[in-house]
mmCIF file of all heavy atoms, coordinates in Angstrom:
data_MODEL
# 
_entry.id   MODEL 
# 
loop_
_atom_site.group_PDB 
_atom_site.id 
_atom_site.type_symbol 
_atom_site.label_atom_id 
_atom_site.label_alt_id 
_atom_site.label_comp_id 
_atom_site.label_asym_id 
_atom_site.label_entity_id 
_atom_site.label_seq_id 
_atom_site.pdbx_PDB_ins_code 
_atom_site.Cartn_x 
_atom_site.Cartn_y 
_atom_site.Cartn_z 
_atom_site.occupancy 
_atom_site.B_iso_or_equiv 
_atom_site.pdbx_formal_charge 
_atom_site.auth_seq_id 
_atom_site.auth_comp_id 
_atom_site.auth_asym_id 
_atom_site.auth_atom_id 
_atom_site.pdbx_PDB_model_num 
ATOM 1   N N   . TRP A 1 1  ? -4.648 -12.417 22.195  1.00 0.00 ? 1  TRP A N   1 
ATOM 2   C CA  . TRP A 1 1  ? -3.629 -11.432 22.449  1.00 0.00 ? 1  TRP A CA  1 
ATOM 3   C C   . TRP A 1 1  ? -2.242 -11.992 22.107  1.00 0.00 ? 1  TRP A C   1 
ATOM 4   O O   . TRP A 1 1  ? -1.340 -11.209 21.849  1.00 0.00 ? 1  TRP A O   1 
ATOM 5   C CB  . TRP A 1 1  ? -3.687 -10.963 23.880  1.00 0.00 ? 1  TRP A CB  1 
ATOM 6   C CG  . TRP A 1 1  ? -4.797 -10.043 24.185  1.00 0.00 ? 1  TRP A CG  1 
ATOM 7   C CD1 . TRP A 1 1  ? -5.505 -9.230  23.244  1.00 0.00 ? 1  TRP A CD1 1 
ATOM 8   C CD2 . TRP A 1 1  ? -5.438 -9.911  25.449  1.00 0.00 ? 1  TRP A CD2 1 
ATOM 9   N NE1 . TRP A 1 1  ? -6.513 -8.506  23.935  1.00 0.00 ? 1  TRP A NE1 1 
ATOM 10  C CE2 . TRP A 1 1  ? -6.523 -8.884  25.229  1.00 0.00 ? 1  TRP A CE2 1 
ATOM 11  C CE3 . TRP A 1 1  ? -5.249 -10.365 26.764  1.00 0.00 ? 1  TRP A CE3 1 
ATOM 12  C CZ2 . TRP A 1 1  ? -7.355 -8.516  26.290  1.00 0.00 ? 1  TRP A CZ2 1 
ATOM 13  C CZ3 . TRP A 1 1  ? -6.132 -9.997  27.765  1.00 0.00 ? 1  TRP A CZ3 1 
ATOM 14  C CH2 . TRP A 1 1  ? -7.124 -9.116  27.583  1.00 0.00 ? 1  TRP A CH2 1 
ATOM 15  N N   . ALA A 1 2  ? -2.091 -13.340 22.123  1.00 0.00 ? 2  ALA A N   1 
ATOM 16  C CA  . ALA A 1 2  ? -0.842 -13.888 21.694  1.00 0.00 ? 2  ALA A CA  1 
ATOM 17  C C   . ALA A 1 2  ? -0.865 -14.117 20.187  1.00 0.00 ? 2  ALA A C   1 
ATOM 18  O O   . ALA A 1 2  ? 0.200  -13.811 19.548  1.00 0.00 ? 2  ALA A O   1 
ATOM 19  C CB  . ALA A 1 2  ? -0.560 -15.206 22.461  1.00 0.00 ? 2  ALA A CB  1 
ATOM 20  N N   . ALA A 1 3  ? -1.932 -14.630 19.621  1.00 0.00 ? 3  ALA A N   1 
ATOM 21  C CA  . ALA A 1 3  ? -1.942 -15.021 18.251  1.00 0.00 ? 3  ALA A CA  1 
ATOM 22  C C   . ALA A 1 3  ? -1.996 -13.848 17.271  1.00 0.00 ? 3  ALA A C   1 
ATOM 23  O O   . ALA A 1 3  ? -1.296 -13.893 16.258  1.00 0.00 ? 3  ALA A O   1 
ATOM 24  C CB  . ALA A 1 3  ? -3.173 -15.955 17.939  1.00 0.00 ? 3  ALA A CB  1 
ATOM 25  N N   . MET A 1 4  ? -2.772 -12.870 17.488  1.00 0.00 ? 4  MET A N   1 
ATOM 26  C CA  . MET A 1 4  ? -2.962 -11.764 16.617  1.00 0.00 ? 4  MET A CA  1 
ATOM 27  C C   . MET A 1 4  ? -1.664 -10.975 16.410  1.00 0.00 ? 4  MET A C   1 
ATOM 28  O O   . MET A 1 4  ? -1.362 -10.685 15.234  1.00 0.00 ? 4  MET A O   1 
ATOM 29  C CB  . MET A 1 4  ? -4.184 -10.918 16.944  1.00 0.00 ? 4  MET A CB  1 
ATOM 30  C CG  . MET A 1 4  ? -5.514 -11.686 16.773  1.00 0.00 ? 4  MET A CG  1 
ATOM 31  S SD  . MET A 1 4  ? -6.999 -10.725 16.992  1.00 0.00 ? 4  MET A SD  1 
ATOM 32  C CE  . MET A 1 4  ? -6.963 -9.828  15.450  1.00 0.00 ? 4  MET A CE  1 
ATOM 33  N N   . PRO A 1 5  ? -1.024 -10.551 17.459  1.00 0.00 ? 5  PRO A N   1 
ATOM 34  C CA  . PRO A 1 5  ? 0.271  -9.862  17.157  1.00 0.00 ? 5  PRO A CA  1 
ATOM 35  C C   . PRO A 1 5  ? 1.287  -10.740 16.475  1.00 0.00 ? 5  PRO A C   1 
ATOM 36  O O   . PRO A 1 5  ? 2.044  -10.200 15.597  1.00 0.00 ? 5  PRO A O   1 
ATOM 37  C CB  . PRO A 1 5  ? 0.713  -9.495  18.643  1.00 0.00 ? 5  PRO A CB  1 
ATOM 38  C CG  . PRO A 1 5  ? -0.430 -9.527  19.467  1.00 0.00 ? 5  PRO A CG  1 
ATOM 39  C CD  . PRO A 1 5  ? -1.280 -10.608 18.857  1.00 0.00 ? 5  PRO A CD  1 
ATOM 40  N N   . ALA A 1 6  ? 1.243  -11.995 16.746  1.00 0.00 ? 6  ALA A N   1 
ATOM 41  C CA  . ALA A 1 6  ? 2.203  -12.849 15.989  1.00 0.00 ? 6  ALA A CA  1 
ATOM 42  C C   . ALA A 1 6  ? 1.838  -12.915 14.544  1.00 0.00 ? 6  ALA A C   1 
ATOM 43  O O   . ALA A 1 6  ? 2.746  -12.796 13.661  1.00 0.00 ? 6  ALA A O   1 
ATOM 44  C CB  . ALA A 1 6  ? 2.138  -14.279 16.593  1.00 0.00 ? 6  ALA A CB  1 
ATOM 45  N N   . GLY A 1 7  ? 0.587  -13.039 14.158  1.00 0.00 ? 7  GLY A N   1 
ATOM 46  C CA  . GLY A 1 7  ? 0.190  -13.014 12.828  1.00 0.00 ? 7  GLY A CA  1 
ATOM 47  C C   . GLY A 1 7  ? 0.527  -11.673 12.149  1.00 0.00 ? 7  GLY A C   1 
ATOM 48  O O   . GLY A 1 7  ? 1.001  -11.587 10.983  1.00 0.00 ? 7  GLY A O   1 
ATOM 49  N N   . SER A 1 8  ? 0.298  -10.592 12.852  1.00 0.00 ? 8  SER A N   1 
ATOM 50  C CA  . SER A 1 8  ? 0.681  -9.257  12.357  1.00 0.00 ? 8  SER A CA  1 
ATOM 51  C C   . SER A 1 8  ? 2.169  -9.185  12.106  1.00 0.00 ? 8  SER A C   1 
ATOM 52  O O   . SER A 1 8  ? 2.666  -8.508  11.175  1.00 0.00 ? 8  SER A O   1 
ATOM 53  C CB  . SER A 1 8  ? 0.225  -8.141  13.272  1.00 0.00 ? 8  SER A CB  1 
ATOM 54  O OG  . SER A 1 8  ? -1.190 -8.039  13.264  1.00 0.00 ? 8  SER A OG  1 
ATOM 55  N N   . PHE A 1 9  ? 2.955  -9.751  13.010  1.00 0.00 ? 9  PHE A N   1 
ATOM 56  C CA  . PHE A 1 9  ? 4.385  -9.771  12.927  1.00 0.00 ? 9  PHE A CA  1 
ATOM 57  C C   . PHE A 1 9  ? 4.882  -10.497 11.648  1.00 0.00 ? 9  PHE A C   1 
ATOM 58  O O   . PHE A 1 9  ? 5.789  -9.992  10.977  1.00 0.00 ? 9  PHE A O   1 
ATOM 59  C CB  . PHE A 1 9  ? 5.089  -10.338 14.070  1.00 0.00 ? 9  PHE A CB  1 
ATOM 60  C CG  . PHE A 1 9  ? 6.593  -10.258 14.008  1.00 0.00 ? 9  PHE A CG  1 
ATOM 61  C CD1 . PHE A 1 9  ? 7.205  -9.000  14.211  1.00 0.00 ? 9  PHE A CD1 1 
ATOM 62  C CD2 . PHE A 1 9  ? 7.317  -11.379 13.748  1.00 0.00 ? 9  PHE A CD2 1 
ATOM 63  C CE1 . PHE A 1 9  ? 8.621  -8.981  14.083  1.00 0.00 ? 9  PHE A CE1 1 
ATOM 64  C CE2 . PHE A 1 9  ? 8.766  -11.315 13.659  1.00 0.00 ? 9  PHE A CE2 1 
ATOM 65  C CZ  . PHE A 1 9  ? 9.362  -10.079 13.863  1.00 0.00 ? 9  PHE A CZ  1 
ATOM 66  N N   . PHE A 1 10 ? 4.218  -11.633 11.332  1.00 0.00 ? 10 PHE A N   1 
ATOM 67  C CA  . PHE A 1 10 ? 4.575  -12.319 10.095  1.00 0.00 ? 10 PHE A CA  1 
ATOM 68  C C   . PHE A 1 10 ? 4.256  -11.468 8.874   1.00 0.00 ? 10 PHE A C   1 
ATOM 69  O O   . PHE A 1 10 ? 5.033  -11.487 7.858   1.00 0.00 ? 10 PHE A O   1 
ATOM 70  C CB  . PHE A 1 10 ? 3.972  -13.692 10.052  1.00 0.00 ? 10 PHE A CB  1 
ATOM 71  C CG  . PHE A 1 10 ? 4.591  -14.742 10.926  1.00 0.00 ? 10 PHE A CG  1 
ATOM 72  C CD1 . PHE A 1 10 ? 3.938  -15.124 12.065  1.00 0.00 ? 10 PHE A CD1 1 
ATOM 73  C CD2 . PHE A 1 10 ? 5.711  -15.341 10.632  1.00 0.00 ? 10 PHE A CD2 1 
ATOM 74  C CE1 . PHE A 1 10 ? 4.543  -16.084 13.010  1.00 0.00 ? 10 PHE A CE1 1 
ATOM 75  C CE2 . PHE A 1 10 ? 6.300  -16.244 11.463  1.00 0.00 ? 10 PHE A CE2 1 
ATOM 76  C CZ  . PHE A 1 10 ? 5.754  -16.645 12.610  1.00 0.00 ? 10 PHE A CZ  1 
ATOM 77  N N   . ALA A 1 11 ? 3.152  -10.806 8.918   1.00 0.00 ? 11 ALA A N   1 
ATOM 78  C CA  . ALA A 1 11 ? 2.819  -9.937  7.761   1.00 0.00 ? 11 ALA A CA  1 
ATOM 79  C C   . ALA A 1 11 ? 3.863  -8.713  7.753   1.00 0.00 ? 11 ALA A C   1 
ATOM 80  O O   . ALA A 1 11 ? 4.229  -8.356  6.609   1.00 0.00 ? 11 ALA A O   1 
ATOM 81  C CB  . ALA A 1 11 ? 1.426  -9.346  8.020   1.00 0.00 ? 11 ALA A CB  1 
ATOM 82  N N   . LEU A 1 12 ? 4.221  -8.257  8.852   1.00 0.00 ? 12 LEU A N   1 
ATOM 83  C CA  . LEU A 1 12 ? 5.298  -7.225  8.860   1.00 0.00 ? 12 LEU A CA  1 
ATOM 84  C C   . LEU A 1 12 ? 6.587  -7.705  8.185   1.00 0.00 ? 12 LEU A C   1 
ATOM 85  O O   . LEU A 1 12 ? 7.209  -7.036  7.425   1.00 0.00 ? 12 LEU A O   1 
ATOM 86  C CB  . LEU A 1 12 ? 5.598  -6.787  10.317  1.00 0.00 ? 12 LEU A CB  1 
ATOM 87  C CG  . LEU A 1 12 ? 6.807  -5.902  10.520  1.00 0.00 ? 12 LEU A CG  1 
ATOM 88  C CD1 . LEU A 1 12 ? 6.646  -4.537  9.895   1.00 0.00 ? 12 LEU A CD1 1 
ATOM 89  C CD2 . LEU A 1 12 ? 7.113  -5.756  12.062  1.00 0.00 ? 12 LEU A CD2 1 
ATOM 90  N N   . LEU A 1 13 ? 6.959  -8.980  8.474   1.00 0.00 ? 13 LEU A N   1 
ATOM 91  C CA  . LEU A 1 13 ? 8.105  -9.554  7.807   1.00 0.00 ? 13 LEU A CA  1 
ATOM 92  C C   . LEU A 1 13 ? 7.973  -9.576  6.326   1.00 0.00 ? 13 LEU A C   1 
ATOM 93  O O   . LEU A 1 13 ? 8.991  -9.260  5.649   1.00 0.00 ? 13 LEU A O   1 
ATOM 94  C CB  . LEU A 1 13 ? 8.361  -10.917 8.396   1.00 0.00 ? 13 LEU A CB  1 
ATOM 95  C CG  . LEU A 1 13 ? 8.860  -11.026 9.809   1.00 0.00 ? 13 LEU A CG  1 
ATOM 96  C CD1 . LEU A 1 13 ? 9.051  -12.540 10.105  1.00 0.00 ? 13 LEU A CD1 1 
ATOM 97  C CD2 . LEU A 1 13 ? 10.127 -10.333 10.000  1.00 0.00 ? 13 LEU A CD2 1 
ATOM 98  N N   . ILE A 1 14 ? 6.852  -9.871  5.872   1.00 0.00 ? 14 ILE A N   1 
ATOM 99  C CA  . ILE A 1 14 ? 6.623  -9.979  4.361   1.00 0.00 ? 14 ILE A CA  1 
ATOM 100 C C   . ILE A 1 14 ? 6.808  -8.572  3.768   1.00 0.00 ? 14 ILE A C   1 
ATOM 101 O O   . ILE A 1 14 ? 7.464  -8.415  2.783   1.00 0.00 ? 14 ILE A O   1 
ATOM 102 C CB  . ILE A 1 14 ? 5.184  -10.462 4.052   1.00 0.00 ? 14 ILE A CB  1 
ATOM 103 C CG1 . ILE A 1 14 ? 5.194  -11.960 4.372   1.00 0.00 ? 14 ILE A CG1 1 
ATOM 104 C CG2 . ILE A 1 14 ? 4.810  -10.240 2.572   1.00 0.00 ? 14 ILE A CG2 1 
ATOM 105 C CD1 . ILE A 1 14 ? 3.754  -12.642 4.309   1.00 0.00 ? 14 ILE A CD1 1 
ATOM 106 N N   . VAL A 1 15 ? 6.344  -7.568  4.417   1.00 0.00 ? 15 VAL A N   1 
ATOM 107 C CA  . VAL A 1 15 ? 6.397  -6.131  4.014   1.00 0.00 ? 15 VAL A CA  1 
ATOM 108 C C   . VAL A 1 15 ? 7.932  -5.747  4.050   1.00 0.00 ? 15 VAL A C   1 
ATOM 109 O O   . VAL A 1 15 ? 8.430  -5.203  3.043   1.00 0.00 ? 15 VAL A O   1 
ATOM 110 C CB  . VAL A 1 15 ? 5.562  -5.217  4.789   1.00 0.00 ? 15 VAL A CB  1 
ATOM 111 C CG1 . VAL A 1 15 ? 5.912  -3.683  4.509   1.00 0.00 ? 15 VAL A CG1 1 
ATOM 112 C CG2 . VAL A 1 15 ? 4.067  -5.371  4.525   1.00 0.00 ? 15 VAL A CG2 1 
ATOM 113 N N   . LEU A 1 16 ? 8.592  -6.021  5.085   1.00 0.00 ? 16 LEU A N   1 
ATOM 114 C CA  . LEU A 1 16 ? 9.979  -5.643  5.227   1.00 0.00 ? 16 LEU A CA  1 
ATOM 115 C C   . LEU A 1 16 ? 10.898 -6.280  4.243   1.00 0.00 ? 16 LEU A C   1 
ATOM 116 O O   . LEU A 1 16 ? 11.754 -5.638  3.630   1.00 0.00 ? 16 LEU A O   1 
ATOM 117 C CB  . LEU A 1 16 ? 10.521 -5.892  6.660   1.00 0.00 ? 16 LEU A CB  1 
ATOM 118 C CG  . LEU A 1 16 ? 9.892  -5.048  7.787   1.00 0.00 ? 16 LEU A CG  1 
ATOM 119 C CD1 . LEU A 1 16 ? 10.345 -5.512  9.120   1.00 0.00 ? 16 LEU A CD1 1 
ATOM 120 C CD2 . LEU A 1 16 ? 10.214 -3.531  7.604   1.00 0.00 ? 16 LEU A CD2 1 
ATOM 121 N N   . VAL A 1 17 ? 10.676 -7.616  3.984   1.00 0.00 ? 17 VAL A N   1 
ATOM 122 C CA  . VAL A 1 17 ? 11.523 -8.325  3.070   1.00 0.00 ? 17 VAL A CA  1 
ATOM 123 C C   . VAL A 1 17 ? 11.217 -7.885  1.624   1.00 0.00 ? 17 VAL A C   1 
ATOM 124 O O   . VAL A 1 17 ? 12.169 -7.740  0.855   1.00 0.00 ? 17 VAL A O   1 
ATOM 125 C CB  . VAL A 1 17 ? 11.342 -9.914  3.296   1.00 0.00 ? 17 VAL A CB  1 
ATOM 126 C CG1 . VAL A 1 17 ? 12.040 -10.636 2.167   1.00 0.00 ? 17 VAL A CG1 1 
ATOM 127 C CG2 . VAL A 1 17 ? 11.920 -10.314 4.610   1.00 0.00 ? 17 VAL A CG2 1 
ATOM 128 N N   . THR A 1 18 ? 9.945  -7.789  1.311   1.00 0.00 ? 18 THR A N   1 
ATOM 129 C CA  . THR A 1 18 ? 9.712  -7.315  -0.073  1.00 0.00 ? 18 THR A CA  1 
ATOM 130 C C   . THR A 1 18 ? 10.127 -5.903  -0.361  1.00 0.00 ? 18 THR A C   1 
ATOM 131 O O   . THR A 1 18 ? 10.444 -5.520  -1.501  1.00 0.00 ? 18 THR A O   1 
ATOM 132 C CB  . THR A 1 18 ? 8.222  -7.511  -0.427  1.00 0.00 ? 18 THR A CB  1 
ATOM 133 O OG1 . THR A 1 18 ? 7.419  -6.749  0.499   1.00 0.00 ? 18 THR A OG1 1 
ATOM 134 C CG2 . THR A 1 18 ? 7.779  -9.009  -0.436  1.00 0.00 ? 18 THR A CG2 1 
ATOM 135 N N   . GLN A 1 19 ? 10.081 -4.978  0.641   1.00 0.00 ? 19 GLN A N   1 
ATOM 136 C CA  . GLN A 1 19 ? 10.615 -3.717  0.488   1.00 0.00 ? 19 GLN A CA  1 
ATOM 137 C C   . GLN A 1 19 ? 12.135 -3.718  0.181   1.00 0.00 ? 19 GLN A C   1 
ATOM 138 O O   . GLN A 1 19 ? 12.580 -2.913  -0.589  1.00 0.00 ? 19 GLN A O   1 
ATOM 139 C CB  . GLN A 1 19 ? 10.349 -2.832  1.651   1.00 0.00 ? 19 GLN A CB  1 
ATOM 140 C CG  . GLN A 1 19 ? 8.981  -2.328  1.886   1.00 0.00 ? 19 GLN A CG  1 
ATOM 141 C CD  . GLN A 1 19 ? 8.812  -1.420  3.007   1.00 0.00 ? 19 GLN A CD  1 
ATOM 142 O OE1 . GLN A 1 19 ? 9.638  -1.379  4.030   1.00 0.00 ? 19 GLN A OE1 1 
ATOM 143 N NE2 . GLN A 1 19 ? 7.734  -0.636  3.013   1.00 0.00 ? 19 GLN A NE2 1 
ATOM 144 N N   . ARG A 1 20 ? 12.793 -4.732  0.777   1.00 0.00 ? 20 ARG A N   1 
ATOM 145 C CA  . ARG A 1 20 ? 14.202 -4.836  0.648   1.00 0.00 ? 20 ARG A CA  1 
ATOM 146 C C   . ARG A 1 20 ? 14.644 -5.526  -0.684  1.00 0.00 ? 20 ARG A C   1 
ATOM 147 O O   . ARG A 1 20 ? 15.545 -5.058  -1.310  1.00 0.00 ? 20 ARG A O   1 
ATOM 148 C CB  . ARG A 1 20 ? 14.743 -5.648  1.866   1.00 0.00 ? 20 ARG A CB  1 
ATOM 149 C CG  . ARG A 1 20 ? 16.228 -5.874  1.843   1.00 0.00 ? 20 ARG A CG  1 
ATOM 150 C CD  . ARG A 1 20 ? 16.859 -4.490  2.181   1.00 0.00 ? 20 ARG A CD  1 
ATOM 151 N NE  . ARG A 1 20 ? 17.701 -4.739  3.357   1.00 0.00 ? 20 ARG A NE  1 
ATOM 152 C CZ  . ARG A 1 20 ? 18.546 -3.745  3.705   1.00 0.00 ? 20 ARG A CZ  1 
ATOM 153 N NH1 . ARG A 1 20 ? 18.598 -2.655  3.089   1.00 0.00 ? 20 ARG A NH1 1 
ATOM 154 N NH2 . ARG A 1 20 ? 19.276 -3.931  4.713   1.00 0.00 ? 20 ARG A NH2 1 
ATOM 155 N N   . ILE A 1 21 ? 13.878 -6.556  -1.024  1.00 0.00 ? 21 ILE A N   1 
ATOM 156 C CA  . ILE A 1 21 ? 14.361 -7.376  -2.206  1.00 0.00 ? 21 ILE A CA  1 
ATOM 157 C C   . ILE A 1 21 ? 13.252 -7.496  -3.274  1.00 0.00 ? 21 ILE A C   1 
ATOM 158 O O   . ILE A 1 21 ? 13.365 -8.295  -4.205  1.00 0.00 ? 21 ILE A O   1 
ATOM 159 C CB  . ILE A 1 21 ? 14.793 -8.769  -1.863  1.00 0.00 ? 21 ILE A CB  1 
ATOM 160 C CG1 . ILE A 1 21 ? 13.680 -9.577  -1.213  1.00 0.00 ? 21 ILE A CG1 1 
ATOM 161 C CG2 . ILE A 1 21 ? 16.013 -8.702  -0.854  1.00 0.00 ? 21 ILE A CG2 1 
ATOM 162 C CD1 . ILE A 1 21 ? 13.978 -11.088 -1.031  1.00 0.00 ? 21 ILE A CD1 1 
ATOM 163 N N   . GLY A 1 22 ? 12.140 -6.728  -3.111  1.00 0.00 ? 22 GLY A N   1 
ATOM 164 C CA  . GLY A 1 22 ? 11.018 -6.814  -3.984  1.00 0.00 ? 22 GLY A CA  1 
ATOM 165 C C   . GLY A 1 22 ? 11.268 -6.789  -5.539  1.00 0.00 ? 22 GLY A C   1 
ATOM 166 O O   . GLY A 1 22 ? 10.643 -7.405  -6.343  1.00 0.00 ? 22 GLY A O   1 
ATOM 167 N N   . ASP A 1 23 ? 12.385 -6.007  -5.899  1.00 0.00 ? 23 ASP A N   1 
ATOM 168 C CA  . ASP A 1 23 ? 12.748 -5.985  -7.368  1.00 0.00 ? 23 ASP A CA  1 
ATOM 169 C C   . ASP A 1 23 ? 14.020 -6.737  -7.655  1.00 0.00 ? 23 ASP A C   1 
ATOM 170 O O   . ASP A 1 23 ? 14.695 -6.500  -8.580  1.00 0.00 ? 23 ASP A O   1 
ATOM 171 C CB  . ASP A 1 23 ? 12.833 -4.501  -7.827  1.00 0.00 ? 23 ASP A CB  1 
ATOM 172 C CG  . ASP A 1 23 ? 13.898 -3.719  -7.062  1.00 0.00 ? 23 ASP A CG  1 
ATOM 173 O OD1 . ASP A 1 23 ? 14.552 -4.264  -6.042  1.00 0.00 ? 23 ASP A OD1 1 
ATOM 174 O OD2 . ASP A 1 23 ? 14.070 -2.614  -7.428  1.00 0.00 ? 23 ASP A OD2 1 
ATOM 175 N N   . GLY A 1 24 ? 14.221 -7.757  -6.758  1.00 0.00 ? 24 GLY A N   1 
ATOM 176 C CA  . GLY A 1 24 ? 15.407 -8.592  -6.991  1.00 0.00 ? 24 GLY A CA  1 
ATOM 177 C C   . GLY A 1 24 ? 15.550 -9.367  -8.264  1.00 0.00 ? 24 GLY A C   1 
ATOM 178 O O   . GLY A 1 24 ? 16.651 -9.661  -8.696  1.00 0.00 ? 24 GLY A O   1 
ATOM 179 N N   . LEU A 1 25 ? 14.384 -9.640  -8.870  1.00 0.00 ? 25 LEU A N   1 
ATOM 180 C CA  . LEU A 1 25 ? 14.307 -10.333 -10.128 1.00 0.00 ? 25 LEU A CA  1 
ATOM 181 C C   . LEU A 1 25 ? 14.113 -9.330  -11.306 1.00 0.00 ? 25 LEU A C   1 
ATOM 182 O O   . LEU A 1 25 ? 13.941 -9.763  -12.401 1.00 0.00 ? 25 LEU A O   1 
ATOM 183 C CB  . LEU A 1 25 ? 13.290 -11.399 -10.137 1.00 0.00 ? 25 LEU A CB  1 
ATOM 184 C CG  . LEU A 1 25 ? 13.596 -12.607 -9.174  1.00 0.00 ? 25 LEU A CG  1 
ATOM 185 C CD1 . LEU A 1 25 ? 12.311 -13.554 -9.229  1.00 0.00 ? 25 LEU A CD1 1 
ATOM 186 C CD2 . LEU A 1 25 ? 14.864 -13.324 -9.467  1.00 0.00 ? 25 LEU A CD2 1 
ATOM 187 N N   . GLY A 1 26 ? 14.032 -8.068  -10.988 1.00 0.00 ? 26 GLY A N   1 
ATOM 188 C CA  . GLY A 1 26 ? 13.839 -7.057  -11.997 1.00 0.00 ? 26 GLY A CA  1 
ATOM 189 C C   . GLY A 1 26 ? 12.661 -6.133  -11.610 1.00 0.00 ? 26 GLY A C   1 
ATOM 190 O O   . GLY A 1 26 ? 11.883 -6.389  -10.690 1.00 0.00 ? 26 GLY A O   1 
ATOM 191 N N   . PRO A 1 27 ? 12.523 -5.063  -12.391 1.00 0.00 ? 27 PRO A N   1 
ATOM 192 C CA  . PRO A 1 27 ? 11.477 -4.049  -12.078 1.00 0.00 ? 27 PRO A CA  1 
ATOM 193 C C   . PRO A 1 27 ? 10.107 -4.413  -12.588 1.00 0.00 ? 27 PRO A C   1 
ATOM 194 O O   . PRO A 1 27 ? 9.173  -3.732  -12.161 1.00 0.00 ? 27 PRO A O   1 
ATOM 195 C CB  . PRO A 1 27 ? 12.043 -2.779  -12.739 1.00 0.00 ? 27 PRO A CB  1 
ATOM 196 C CG  . PRO A 1 27 ? 12.804 -3.278  -13.908 1.00 0.00 ? 27 PRO A CG  1 
ATOM 197 C CD  . PRO A 1 27 ? 13.361 -4.651  -13.454 1.00 0.00 ? 27 PRO A CD  1 
ATOM 198 N N   . GLY A 1 28 ? 9.977  -5.403  -13.352 1.00 0.00 ? 28 GLY A N   1 
ATOM 199 C CA  . GLY A 1 28 ? 8.636  -5.703  -13.936 1.00 0.00 ? 28 GLY A CA  1 
ATOM 200 C C   . GLY A 1 28 ? 7.704  -6.294  -12.924 1.00 0.00 ? 28 GLY A C   1 
ATOM 201 O O   . GLY A 1 28 ? 8.112  -6.842  -11.883 1.00 0.00 ? 28 GLY A O   1 
ATOM 202 N N   . ARG A 1 29 ? 6.463  -6.183  -13.240 1.00 0.00 ? 29 ARG A N   1 
ATOM 203 C CA  . ARG A 1 29 ? 5.407  -6.604  -12.268 1.00 0.00 ? 29 ARG A CA  1 
ATOM 204 C C   . ARG A 1 29 ? 5.444  -8.101  -12.076 1.00 0.00 ? 29 ARG A C   1 
ATOM 205 O O   . ARG A 1 29 ? 5.302  -8.609  -10.925 1.00 0.00 ? 29 ARG A O   1 
ATOM 206 C CB  . ARG A 1 29 ? 3.964  -6.292  -12.879 1.00 0.00 ? 29 ARG A CB  1 
ATOM 207 C CG  . ARG A 1 29 ? 2.837  -6.564  -11.940 1.00 0.00 ? 29 ARG A CG  1 
ATOM 208 C CD  . ARG A 1 29 ? 2.661  -5.401  -10.872 1.00 0.00 ? 29 ARG A CD  1 
ATOM 209 N NE  . ARG A 1 29 ? 3.002  -5.998  -9.583  1.00 0.00 ? 29 ARG A NE  1 
ATOM 210 C CZ  . ARG A 1 29 ? 3.229  -5.323  -8.483  1.00 0.00 ? 29 ARG A CZ  1 
ATOM 211 N NH1 . ARG A 1 29 ? 3.210  -4.010  -8.511  1.00 0.00 ? 29 ARG A NH1 1 
ATOM 212 N NH2 . ARG A 1 29 ? 3.479  -5.887  -7.356  1.00 0.00 ? 29 ARG A NH2 1 
# 
């Protein structure tokens, strides 16, 4: 109950950051 939400939170951070700066180096894949 401590570890799994923490792991999910780190994954959430990845999604939030990439949504914000995902195309920071350009629109290409």
